[in-house]
Amino acid sequence: MRFSYAVHIQAPMEEVFALLTDPEKTGLWTEGLEENVFPEGYDREHPVGTRFRQAIRESDLLSLYEGEVTAYERPGLYGVRLVNQRLAVDVVYRLAPDRNGTRLVYSADVRHASWLERLATRLFSHLTEGVIRNQMRRLKQVVESGGQPVPPPQIDFGW
């Protein structure tokens, strides 16, 4: 299943890209992120193929993911793949100049291991869309505040 979301951020592309791709700052805008571990000394300017680990608290459950950087073209394209036993997610962030700032388009292709989880994703897609929308709004807030932490947004499920 594919999810997408577009947002205008009032900041130069380079600033948005830098925050988006800095593993030490991912927790500023990714709600629930408890761990984001990249290998020491990895090539930050050429990270495609770099593997990493993430631990994300989703509701009350801690989900562990193996990740890989799949695309990196400064300052307009960043992609990652996250995989665990239940699912695989390919995420792509595309940036382009837009009015006095940057247009960020997020897309995610989600593949589940079981037919039951695929069905649940379709039935509750509005919940996933709400999480994505809030995460992109939080990224916007962090970038526009100069990289300062912001309080987590209230979940907007679009109801």
N, C-alpha and C. Protein backbone atom coordinates (compact mmCIF):
# COMPACT_ATOMS: atom_id res chain seq x y z
N MET A 1 0.85 -1.16 0.00
CA MET A 1 0.00 0.00 0.00
C MET A 1 0.89 1.23 0.00
N ARG A 2 0.50 2.26 -0.74
CA ARG A 2 1.30 3.48 -0.84
C ARG A 2 0.61 4.61 -0.08
N PHE A 3 1.44 5.35 0.64
CA PHE A 3 1.00 6.55 1.35
C PHE A 3 1.85 7.71 0.87
N SER A 4 1.25 8.88 0.78
CA SER A 4 2.03 10.06 0.41
C SER A 4 1.47 11.30 1.09
N TYR A 5 2.34 12.29 1.19
CA TYR A 5 1.96 13.55 1.82
C TYR A 5 2.91 14.63 1.32
N ALA A 6 2.40 15.81 1.05
CA ALA A 6 3.23 16.93 0.62
C ALA A 6 3.06 18.09 1.60
N VAL A 7 4.17 18.81 1.84
CA VAL A 7 4.13 19.93 2.77
C VAL A 7 5.08 21.02 2.26
N HIS A 8 4.69 22.27 2.49
CA HIS A 8 5.56 23.42 2.19
C HIS A 8 6.28 23.81 3.48
N ILE A 9 7.60 23.95 3.39
CA ILE A 9 8.40 24.33 4.55
C ILE A 9 9.10 25.64 4.22
N GLN A 10 8.95 26.62 5.10
CA GLN A 10 9.56 27.92 4.88
C GLN A 10 11.02 27.91 5.32
N ALA A 11 11.84 27.24 4.51
CA ALA A 11 13.29 27.14 4.75
C ALA A 11 13.92 26.67 3.45
N PRO A 12 15.19 27.00 3.24
CA PRO A 12 15.88 26.54 2.03
C PRO A 12 15.98 25.02 1.99
N MET A 13 16.02 24.48 0.77
CA MET A 13 16.11 23.02 0.59
C MET A 13 17.26 22.42 1.38
N GLU A 14 18.41 23.09 1.36
CA GLU A 14 19.60 22.54 2.02
C GLU A 14 19.36 22.36 3.52
N GLU A 15 18.65 23.30 4.15
CA GLU A 15 18.36 23.17 5.59
C GLU A 15 17.41 22.02 5.86
N VAL A 16 16.40 21.87 5.01
CA VAL A 16 15.44 20.78 5.18
C VAL A 16 16.17 19.44 4.99
N PHE A 17 16.96 19.36 3.93
CA PHE A 17 17.68 18.13 3.63
C PHE A 17 18.64 17.76 4.76
N ALA A 18 19.35 18.76 5.28
CA ALA A 18 20.32 18.50 6.36
C ALA A 18 19.63 17.93 7.60
N LEU A 19 18.49 18.49 7.97
CA LEU A 19 17.77 17.99 9.14
C LEU A 19 17.20 16.60 8.88
N LEU A 20 16.67 16.42 7.69
CA LEU A 20 16.06 15.16 7.30
C LEU A 20 17.06 14.00 7.32
N THR A 21 18.29 14.26 6.93
CA THR A 21 19.27 13.19 6.76
C THR A 21 20.25 13.03 7.91
N ASP A 22 20.16 13.86 8.93
CA ASP A 22 21.09 13.79 10.06
C ASP A 22 20.55 12.79 11.09
N PRO A 23 21.20 11.63 11.24
CA PRO A 23 20.68 10.61 12.17
C PRO A 23 20.57 11.10 13.61
N GLU A 24 21.40 12.07 13.99
CA GLU A 24 21.33 12.58 15.36
C GLU A 24 20.14 13.50 15.57
N LYS A 25 19.52 13.97 14.50
CA LYS A 25 18.39 14.88 14.63
C LYS A 25 17.06 14.24 14.25
N THR A 26 17.09 12.99 13.81
CA THR A 26 15.86 12.32 13.40
C THR A 26 14.84 12.28 14.53
N GLY A 27 15.31 12.12 15.76
CA GLY A 27 14.41 12.06 16.91
C GLY A 27 13.68 13.36 17.19
N LEU A 28 14.19 14.49 16.65
CA LEU A 28 13.50 15.76 16.84
C LEU A 28 12.15 15.79 16.15
N TRP A 29 12.02 15.02 15.07
CA TRP A 29 10.77 15.09 14.30
C TRP A 29 10.08 13.73 14.13
N THR A 30 10.71 12.64 14.53
CA THR A 30 10.10 11.32 14.43
C THR A 30 9.57 10.92 15.79
N GLU A 31 8.29 11.04 15.96
CA GLU A 31 7.69 10.73 17.25
C GLU A 31 7.85 9.25 17.57
N GLY A 32 8.25 8.98 18.80
CA GLY A 32 8.40 7.61 19.25
C GLY A 32 9.78 7.01 19.00
N LEU A 33 10.65 7.73 18.29
CA LEU A 33 11.97 7.20 18.00
C LEU A 33 12.79 7.12 19.29
N GLU A 34 13.18 5.92 19.66
CA GLU A 34 13.97 5.73 20.88
C GLU A 34 15.42 5.44 20.58
N GLU A 35 15.69 4.93 19.39
CA GLU A 35 17.07 4.62 19.03
C GLU A 35 17.22 4.73 17.51
N ASN A 36 18.31 5.32 17.08
CA ASN A 36 18.63 5.45 15.66
C ASN A 36 20.15 5.29 15.56
N VAL A 37 20.59 4.08 15.26
CA VAL A 37 22.01 3.76 15.34
C VAL A 37 22.58 3.54 13.94
N PHE A 38 23.49 4.43 13.57
CA PHE A 38 24.25 4.30 12.33
C PHE A 38 25.65 3.82 12.69
N PRO A 39 26.33 3.12 11.77
CA PRO A 39 27.69 2.67 12.10
C PRO A 39 28.63 3.85 12.28
N GLU A 40 29.53 3.72 13.22
CA GLU A 40 30.50 4.78 13.47
C GLU A 40 31.37 4.97 12.23
N GLY A 41 31.57 6.23 11.85
CA GLY A 41 32.44 6.55 10.74
C GLY A 41 31.85 6.32 9.36
N TYR A 42 30.55 6.11 9.24
CA TYR A 42 29.98 5.91 7.91
C TYR A 42 30.14 7.20 7.10
N ASP A 43 30.13 7.08 5.79
CA ASP A 43 30.35 8.21 4.89
C ASP A 43 29.06 9.02 4.75
N ARG A 44 28.97 10.13 5.46
CA ARG A 44 27.74 10.95 5.46
C ARG A 44 27.46 11.59 4.11
N GLU A 45 28.47 11.77 3.29
CA GLU A 45 28.27 12.38 1.97
C GLU A 45 27.89 11.35 0.91
N HIS A 46 28.12 10.08 1.18
CA HIS A 46 27.79 8.99 0.24
C HIS A 46 27.21 7.82 1.03
N PRO A 47 26.04 8.01 1.64
CA PRO A 47 25.53 6.99 2.56
C PRO A 47 24.73 5.86 1.92
N VAL A 48 24.48 5.90 0.61
CA VAL A 48 23.66 4.85 0.00
C VAL A 48 24.29 3.49 0.30
N GLY A 49 23.47 2.57 0.78
CA GLY A 49 23.93 1.24 1.17
C GLY A 49 24.25 1.13 2.65
N THR A 50 24.33 2.26 3.35
CA THR A 50 24.61 2.22 4.80
C THR A 50 23.43 1.57 5.52
N ARG A 51 23.75 0.64 6.38
CA ARG A 51 22.72 -0.04 7.18
C ARG A 51 22.69 0.58 8.57
N PHE A 52 21.49 0.62 9.15
CA PHE A 52 21.31 1.20 10.48
C PHE A 52 20.19 0.48 11.18
N ARG A 53 19.99 0.80 12.47
CA ARG A 53 18.91 0.21 13.27
C ARG A 53 18.07 1.32 13.88
N GLN A 54 16.78 1.07 13.96
CA GLN A 54 15.88 2.01 14.64
C GLN A 54 14.98 1.24 15.59
N ALA A 55 14.70 1.87 16.72
CA ALA A 55 13.71 1.37 17.66
C ALA A 55 12.68 2.48 17.80
N ILE A 56 11.43 2.17 17.46
CA ILE A 56 10.36 3.17 17.47
C ILE A 56 9.23 2.65 18.35
N ARG A 57 8.81 3.49 19.30
CA ARG A 57 7.68 3.13 20.15
C ARG A 57 6.41 3.50 19.40
N GLU A 58 5.61 2.49 19.11
CA GLU A 58 4.34 2.65 18.40
C GLU A 58 3.24 2.24 19.36
N SER A 59 2.52 3.21 19.86
CA SER A 59 1.58 3.00 20.96
C SER A 59 2.41 2.54 22.15
N ASP A 60 2.11 1.37 22.69
CA ASP A 60 2.88 0.88 23.84
C ASP A 60 3.92 -0.16 23.44
N LEU A 61 4.03 -0.45 22.15
CA LEU A 61 4.96 -1.48 21.70
C LEU A 61 6.23 -0.86 21.13
N LEU A 62 7.36 -1.49 21.40
CA LEU A 62 8.62 -1.05 20.84
C LEU A 62 8.89 -1.91 19.61
N SER A 63 8.94 -1.27 18.44
CA SER A 63 9.20 -1.97 17.18
C SER A 63 10.65 -1.75 16.78
N LEU A 64 11.33 -2.83 16.44
CA LEU A 64 12.72 -2.76 16.02
C LEU A 64 12.78 -2.92 14.51
N TYR A 65 13.57 -2.07 13.86
CA TYR A 65 13.70 -2.08 12.41
C TYR A 65 15.17 -2.14 12.01
N GLU A 66 15.45 -2.88 10.96
CA GLU A 66 16.74 -2.82 10.28
C GLU A 66 16.52 -1.87 9.12
N GLY A 67 17.43 -0.92 8.94
CA GLY A 67 17.26 0.07 7.90
C GLY A 67 18.44 0.10 6.95
N GLU A 68 18.20 0.73 5.80
CA GLU A 68 19.25 0.94 4.81
C GLU A 68 18.94 2.22 4.05
N VAL A 69 19.97 3.03 3.84
CA VAL A 69 19.81 4.23 3.02
C VAL A 69 19.78 3.76 1.57
N THR A 70 18.71 4.10 0.85
CA THR A 70 18.53 3.61 -0.53
C THR A 70 18.72 4.70 -1.58
N ALA A 71 18.64 5.97 -1.18
CA ALA A 71 18.82 7.07 -2.14
C ALA A 71 19.36 8.28 -1.40
N TYR A 72 20.26 9.01 -2.07
CA TYR A 72 20.82 10.21 -1.46
C TYR A 72 21.37 11.09 -2.58
N GLU A 73 20.63 12.13 -2.89
CA GLU A 73 21.07 13.11 -3.88
C GLU A 73 20.84 14.49 -3.27
N ARG A 74 21.89 15.06 -2.71
CA ARG A 74 21.81 16.35 -2.04
C ARG A 74 21.45 17.43 -3.05
N PRO A 75 20.51 18.31 -2.77
CA PRO A 75 19.62 18.39 -1.62
C PRO A 75 18.19 18.00 -1.96
N GLY A 76 17.99 17.10 -2.95
CA GLY A 76 16.63 16.88 -3.39
C GLY A 76 16.03 15.51 -3.21
N LEU A 77 16.80 14.51 -2.77
CA LEU A 77 16.25 13.16 -2.70
C LEU A 77 16.92 12.38 -1.57
N TYR A 78 16.08 11.74 -0.75
CA TYR A 78 16.58 10.87 0.31
C TYR A 78 15.63 9.70 0.43
N GLY A 79 16.18 8.49 0.47
CA GLY A 79 15.35 7.30 0.59
C GLY A 79 15.90 6.33 1.61
N VAL A 80 15.01 5.66 2.32
CA VAL A 80 15.41 4.62 3.27
C VAL A 80 14.45 3.45 3.18
N ARG A 81 14.94 2.29 3.52
CA ARG A 81 14.12 1.08 3.64
C ARG A 81 14.18 0.64 5.09
N LEU A 82 13.03 0.38 5.68
CA LEU A 82 12.93 -0.13 7.05
C LEU A 82 12.23 -1.49 6.99
N VAL A 83 12.81 -2.47 7.68
CA VAL A 83 12.29 -3.83 7.62
C VAL A 83 12.29 -4.45 9.02
N ASN A 84 11.21 -5.16 9.32
CA ASN A 84 11.21 -6.04 10.49
C ASN A 84 10.47 -7.31 10.10
N GLN A 85 10.15 -8.16 11.04
CA GLN A 85 9.52 -9.45 10.71
C GLN A 85 8.13 -9.29 10.12
N ARG A 86 7.46 -8.19 10.43
CA ARG A 86 6.08 -8.00 10.00
C ARG A 86 5.92 -7.22 8.70
N LEU A 87 6.87 -6.31 8.43
CA LEU A 87 6.66 -5.45 7.27
C LEU A 87 7.96 -4.90 6.72
N ALA A 88 7.85 -4.37 5.51
CA ALA A 88 8.95 -3.63 4.87
C ALA A 88 8.36 -2.32 4.36
N VAL A 89 9.08 -1.23 4.61
CA VAL A 89 8.62 0.10 4.20
C VAL A 89 9.74 0.78 3.42
N ASP A 90 9.44 1.20 2.20
CA ASP A 90 10.37 2.01 1.41
C ASP A 90 9.87 3.44 1.43
N VAL A 91 10.67 4.33 2.02
CA VAL A 91 10.30 5.73 2.17
C VAL A 91 11.18 6.58 1.27
N VAL A 92 10.56 7.53 0.57
CA VAL A 92 11.30 8.47 -0.28
C VAL A 92 10.84 9.88 0.07
N TYR A 93 11.82 10.75 0.28
CA TYR A 93 11.58 12.17 0.51
C TYR A 93 12.11 12.91 -0.72
N ARG A 94 11.24 13.67 -1.39
CA ARG A 94 11.66 14.47 -2.54
C ARG A 94 11.48 15.94 -2.19
N LEU A 95 12.52 16.72 -2.42
CA LEU A 95 12.49 18.14 -2.10
C LEU A 95 12.66 18.94 -3.38
N ALA A 96 11.96 20.08 -3.44
CA ALA A 96 12.08 20.98 -4.59
C ALA A 96 11.85 22.40 -4.11
N PRO A 97 12.47 23.38 -4.79
CA PRO A 97 12.20 24.78 -4.42
C PRO A 97 10.72 25.08 -4.61
N ASP A 98 10.17 25.89 -3.70
CA ASP A 98 8.74 26.19 -3.74
C ASP A 98 8.48 27.52 -3.04
N ARG A 99 8.02 28.49 -3.78
CA ARG A 99 7.79 29.81 -3.20
C ARG A 99 8.94 30.17 -2.26
N ASN A 100 8.80 30.72 -1.19
CA ASN A 100 9.92 31.13 -0.33
C ASN A 100 10.42 29.98 0.53
N GLY A 101 10.57 28.82 -0.04
CA GLY A 101 11.01 27.70 0.76
C GLY A 101 11.15 26.44 -0.04
N THR A 102 10.66 25.35 0.54
CA THR A 102 10.85 24.01 0.00
C THR A 102 9.54 23.25 0.00
N ARG A 103 9.29 22.52 -1.06
CA ARG A 103 8.18 21.58 -1.10
C ARG A 103 8.76 20.19 -0.84
N LEU A 104 8.25 19.55 0.19
CA LEU A 104 8.69 18.20 0.54
C LEU A 104 7.54 17.23 0.23
N VAL A 105 7.84 16.23 -0.56
CA VAL A 105 6.86 15.19 -0.85
C VAL A 105 7.38 13.88 -0.27
N TYR A 106 6.59 13.33 0.64
CA TYR A 106 6.91 12.07 1.32
C TYR A 106 6.09 10.98 0.67
N SER A 107 6.72 9.86 0.38
CA SER A 107 5.96 8.70 -0.08
C SER A 107 6.51 7.45 0.59
N ALA A 108 5.63 6.53 0.89
CA ALA A 108 6.02 5.28 1.53
C ALA A 108 5.25 4.13 0.92
N ASP A 109 5.97 3.11 0.52
CA ASP A 109 5.37 1.86 0.06
C ASP A 109 5.51 0.85 1.19
N VAL A 110 4.37 0.35 1.67
CA VAL A 110 4.35 -0.56 2.81
C VAL A 110 3.94 -1.95 2.32
N ARG A 111 4.75 -2.94 2.67
CA ARG A 111 4.46 -4.32 2.32
C ARG A 111 4.46 -5.15 3.61
N HIS A 112 3.36 -5.85 3.83
CA HIS A 112 3.23 -6.68 5.03
C HIS A 112 3.51 -8.14 4.71
N ALA A 113 3.97 -8.86 5.72
CA ALA A 113 4.29 -10.27 5.56
C ALA A 113 3.04 -11.15 5.47
N SER A 114 1.96 -10.73 6.11
CA SER A 114 0.76 -11.59 6.11
C SER A 114 -0.43 -10.87 5.48
N TRP A 115 -1.35 -11.67 4.98
CA TRP A 115 -2.55 -11.11 4.36
C TRP A 115 -3.41 -10.41 5.40
N LEU A 116 -3.39 -10.88 6.64
CA LEU A 116 -4.19 -10.28 7.70
C LEU A 116 -3.69 -8.86 8.01
N GLU A 117 -2.38 -8.69 8.05
CA GLU A 117 -1.82 -7.35 8.29
C GLU A 117 -2.08 -6.43 7.10
N ARG A 118 -2.05 -6.98 5.88
CA ARG A 118 -2.38 -6.16 4.69
C ARG A 118 -3.82 -5.67 4.78
N LEU A 119 -4.71 -6.56 5.19
CA LEU A 119 -6.12 -6.18 5.34
C LEU A 119 -6.29 -5.11 6.41
N ALA A 120 -5.62 -5.30 7.55
CA ALA A 120 -5.71 -4.32 8.64
C ALA A 120 -5.18 -2.96 8.19
N THR A 121 -4.10 -2.95 7.42
CA THR A 121 -3.56 -1.68 6.92
C THR A 121 -4.57 -0.96 6.04
N ARG A 122 -5.26 -1.71 5.20
CA ARG A 122 -6.29 -1.10 4.34
C ARG A 122 -7.46 -0.57 5.18
N LEU A 123 -7.89 -1.36 6.15
CA LEU A 123 -9.03 -0.95 6.97
C LEU A 123 -8.72 0.27 7.83
N PHE A 124 -7.47 0.36 8.31
CA PHE A 124 -7.10 1.44 9.21
C PHE A 124 -6.10 2.40 8.58
N SER A 125 -6.16 2.55 7.26
CA SER A 125 -5.22 3.42 6.55
C SER A 125 -5.30 4.87 7.04
N HIS A 126 -6.48 5.30 7.50
CA HIS A 126 -6.61 6.67 7.99
C HIS A 126 -5.73 6.91 9.22
N LEU A 127 -5.49 5.86 10.03
CA LEU A 127 -4.60 6.00 11.19
C LEU A 127 -3.16 6.22 10.73
N THR A 128 -2.73 5.43 9.75
CA THR A 128 -1.38 5.58 9.21
C THR A 128 -1.22 6.95 8.57
N GLU A 129 -2.22 7.38 7.82
CA GLU A 129 -2.16 8.70 7.18
C GLU A 129 -2.06 9.81 8.23
N GLY A 130 -2.75 9.65 9.36
CA GLY A 130 -2.67 10.64 10.43
C GLY A 130 -1.28 10.70 11.05
N VAL A 131 -0.66 9.55 11.24
CA VAL A 131 0.69 9.51 11.79
C VAL A 131 1.67 10.18 10.83
N ILE A 132 1.56 9.89 9.54
CA ILE A 132 2.44 10.49 8.53
C ILE A 132 2.23 12.00 8.50
N ARG A 133 0.99 12.42 8.47
CA ARG A 133 0.68 13.86 8.43
C ARG A 133 1.29 14.58 9.64
N ASN A 134 1.14 13.99 10.82
CA ASN A 134 1.69 14.61 12.02
C ASN A 134 3.21 14.61 12.03
N GLN A 135 3.81 13.55 11.53
CA GLN A 135 5.27 13.50 11.47
C GLN A 135 5.81 14.56 10.52
N MET A 136 5.18 14.75 9.37
CA MET A 136 5.64 15.76 8.40
C MET A 136 5.39 17.18 8.94
N ARG A 137 4.30 17.37 9.67
CA ARG A 137 4.05 18.68 10.30
C ARG A 137 5.10 18.96 11.37
N ARG A 138 5.50 17.93 12.09
CA ARG A 138 6.52 18.10 13.12
C ARG A 138 7.86 18.42 12.48
N LEU A 139 8.20 17.74 11.38
CA LEU A 139 9.43 18.06 10.66
C LEU A 139 9.42 19.52 10.22
N LYS A 140 8.30 19.98 9.69
CA LYS A 140 8.14 21.38 9.27
C LYS A 140 8.40 22.32 10.45
N GLN A 141 7.80 22.02 11.60
CA GLN A 141 7.98 22.87 12.79
C GLN A 141 9.44 22.91 13.23
N VAL A 142 10.09 21.76 13.23
CA VAL A 142 11.48 21.71 13.67
C VAL A 142 12.38 22.50 12.73
N VAL A 143 12.19 22.32 11.42
CA VAL A 143 13.01 23.05 10.46
C VAL A 143 12.76 24.55 10.59
N GLU A 144 11.49 24.95 10.65
CA GLU A 144 11.16 26.37 10.70
C GLU A 144 11.55 27.01 12.03
N SER A 145 11.79 26.21 13.06
CA SER A 145 12.24 26.76 14.35
C SER A 145 13.76 26.75 14.45
N GLY A 146 14.44 26.45 13.35
CA GLY A 146 15.89 26.44 13.35
C GLY A 146 16.50 25.19 13.96
N GLY A 147 15.76 24.09 13.94
CA GLY A 147 16.29 22.84 14.47
C GLY A 147 16.06 22.64 15.95
N GLN A 148 15.20 23.45 16.53
CA GLN A 148 14.90 23.33 17.97
C GLN A 148 13.82 22.28 18.19
N PRO A 149 13.90 21.55 19.31
CA PRO A 149 12.84 20.58 19.61
C PRO A 149 11.49 21.29 19.75
N VAL A 150 10.46 20.60 19.33
CA VAL A 150 9.09 21.12 19.48
C VAL A 150 8.26 20.05 20.18
N PRO A 151 7.20 20.46 20.87
CA PRO A 151 6.36 19.45 21.53
C PRO A 151 5.68 18.56 20.50
N PRO A 152 5.42 17.31 20.86
CA PRO A 152 4.73 16.43 19.92
C PRO A 152 3.36 17.00 19.57
N PRO A 153 2.95 16.88 18.31
CA PRO A 153 1.63 17.38 17.93
C PRO A 153 0.53 16.46 18.46
N GLN A 154 -0.64 17.01 18.54
CA GLN A 154 -1.80 16.19 18.83
C GLN A 154 -2.08 15.34 17.60
N ILE A 155 -2.39 14.09 17.79
CA ILE A 155 -2.64 13.21 16.66
C ILE A 155 -3.88 13.71 15.92
N ASP A 156 -3.72 13.88 14.61
CA ASP A 156 -4.81 14.30 13.75
C ASP A 156 -5.16 13.13 12.83
N PHE A 157 -6.25 12.45 13.13
CA PHE A 157 -6.65 11.30 12.34
C PHE A 157 -7.55 11.69 11.18
N GLY A 158 -7.76 12.98 10.98
CA GLY A 158 -8.54 13.44 9.85
C GLY A 158 -10.04 13.24 10.00
N TRP A 159 -10.50 13.02 11.21
CA TRP A 159 -11.94 12.80 11.41
C TRP A 159 -12.63 14.11 11.60
